[in-house]
Amino acid sequence: MAEANRPYDRRRTPRISVRFPVTIIWGKKKFNCQAMEFSEFGILLLPKHKELVAQEVEVGLALDSLEGVDSLKGIVAYMTDVGFGVRFKDITEEQQTVLKNYIL
């Protein structure tokens, strides 16, 4: 019996396992989260915040290795059993290059 395709099998870019703090800003609310997976187009965060699904957020990244990328706009695209995924939006070419180099 063939194994069903998993979502990560269809990803258009590599995603790596990470562990660093992230701040999510939604309106006047701030959420402290933990990054678990990271790609040049999005990030998986813990814990779950169901109220954020389909909402536009700001993702605060505090990594020295992401020079020039301290926050990104995004939309909460999905929820998993443990956390939620944010798809970055309105990324500049420079930001995308920095993110891509971090992944590689």
Protein backbone atom coordinates (compact mmCIF):
# COMPACT_ATOMS: atom_id res chain seq x y z
CA MET A 1 0.00 0.00 0.00
CA ALA A 2 1.47 3.35 -1.03
CA GLU A 3 1.82 6.04 1.58
CA ALA A 4 -0.42 9.07 1.00
CA ASN A 5 1.26 12.33 0.05
CA ARG A 6 1.94 14.47 3.07
CA PRO A 7 1.69 18.27 2.85
CA TYR A 8 5.46 18.69 3.25
CA ASP A 9 6.05 16.46 0.21
CA ARG A 10 4.42 19.15 -1.96
CA ARG A 11 6.29 22.17 -0.61
CA ARG A 12 7.79 24.47 -3.23
CA THR A 13 10.79 25.39 -1.08
CA PRO A 14 12.80 23.67 1.65
CA ARG A 15 11.64 24.02 5.23
CA ILE A 16 14.04 23.50 8.12
CA SER A 17 13.55 22.64 11.79
CA VAL A 18 14.39 25.56 14.06
CA ARG A 19 13.95 26.64 17.64
CA PHE A 20 13.87 30.37 18.36
CA PRO A 21 11.46 32.88 19.95
CA VAL A 22 9.04 34.86 17.79
CA THR A 23 6.61 37.63 18.67
CA ILE A 24 3.30 37.75 16.82
CA ILE A 25 1.52 41.08 16.74
CA TRP A 26 -2.17 41.08 15.88
CA GLY A 27 -3.75 44.50 16.27
CA LYS A 28 -2.93 45.56 19.82
CA LYS A 29 -2.27 42.00 21.02
CA LYS A 30 1.14 40.34 21.27
CA PHE A 31 1.76 36.61 21.45
CA ASN A 32 5.08 35.04 22.43
CA CYS A 33 5.65 31.95 20.34
CA GLN A 34 8.32 29.41 19.50
CA ALA A 35 9.38 28.82 15.88
CA MET A 36 9.52 25.14 14.94
CA GLU A 37 9.84 25.14 11.14
CA PHE A 38 11.02 27.90 8.85
CA SER A 39 11.17 28.56 5.11
CA GLU A 40 11.63 31.61 2.93
CA PHE A 41 7.84 31.82 2.56
CA GLY A 42 6.52 30.93 6.02
CA ILE A 43 6.96 29.70 9.55
CA LEU A 44 5.34 27.14 11.89
CA LEU A 45 4.83 28.45 15.43
CA LEU A 46 3.85 27.03 18.81
CA PRO A 47 1.47 27.12 20.66
CA LYS A 48 -1.89 27.14 18.91
CA HIS A 49 -3.83 30.39 18.71
CA LYS A 50 -7.07 29.45 16.98
CA GLU A 51 -8.31 33.04 16.98
CA LEU A 52 -5.53 33.96 14.53
CA VAL A 53 -6.56 31.70 11.64
CA ALA A 54 -6.98 33.75 8.44
CA GLN A 55 -5.81 36.91 10.24
CA GLU A 56 -3.06 39.24 9.08
CA VAL A 57 -0.22 39.43 11.61
CA GLU A 58 3.26 40.84 12.02
CA VAL A 59 5.98 38.30 12.77
CA GLY A 60 8.79 39.66 14.95
CA LEU A 61 12.04 37.78 14.40
CA ALA A 62 14.93 38.34 16.80
CA LEU A 63 17.77 36.57 14.99
CA ASP A 64 21.12 38.25 14.40
CA SER A 65 21.68 35.95 11.42
CA LEU A 66 18.65 37.47 9.66
CA GLU A 67 20.31 40.83 9.15
CA GLY A 68 17.79 43.40 7.92
CA VAL A 69 14.79 41.16 8.57
CA ASP A 70 13.47 41.85 12.05
CA SER A 71 9.76 41.64 11.22
CA LEU A 72 7.60 40.40 8.37
CA LYS A 73 3.93 40.68 7.52
CA GLY A 74 2.01 37.48 7.11
CA ILE A 75 -1.31 35.70 7.23
CA VAL A 76 -2.10 32.77 9.47
CA ALA A 77 -2.74 30.14 6.83
CA TYR A 78 -3.39 26.98 8.84
CA MET A 79 -3.59 25.30 12.23
CA THR A 80 -1.99 21.96 13.20
CA ASP A 81 -2.37 19.78 16.27
CA VAL A 82 0.40 21.74 17.99
CA GLY A 83 0.66 25.17 16.40
CA PHE A 84 -0.10 27.43 13.46
CA GLY A 85 1.49 28.31 10.14
CA VAL A 86 2.09 31.84 8.93
CA ARG A 87 2.60 32.52 5.23
CA PHE A 88 4.74 35.62 4.72
CA LYS A 89 3.38 38.35 2.43
CA ASP A 90 4.74 41.46 0.79
CA ILE A 91 8.34 40.26 1.16
CA THR A 92 10.93 42.37 -0.61
CA GLU A 93 13.54 40.71 -2.82
CA GLU A 94 16.20 41.60 -0.26
CA GLN A 95 14.23 39.99 2.57
CA GLN A 96 13.60 36.88 0.49
CA THR A 97 17.31 36.58 -0.24
CA VAL A 98 18.16 36.84 3.47
CA LEU A 99 15.53 34.21 4.35
CA LYS A 100 16.65 31.89 1.57
CA ASN A 101 20.29 32.14 2.66
CA TYR A 102 19.28 31.35 6.25
CA ILE A 103 17.50 28.17 5.09
CA LEU A 104 20.46 26.99 3.04
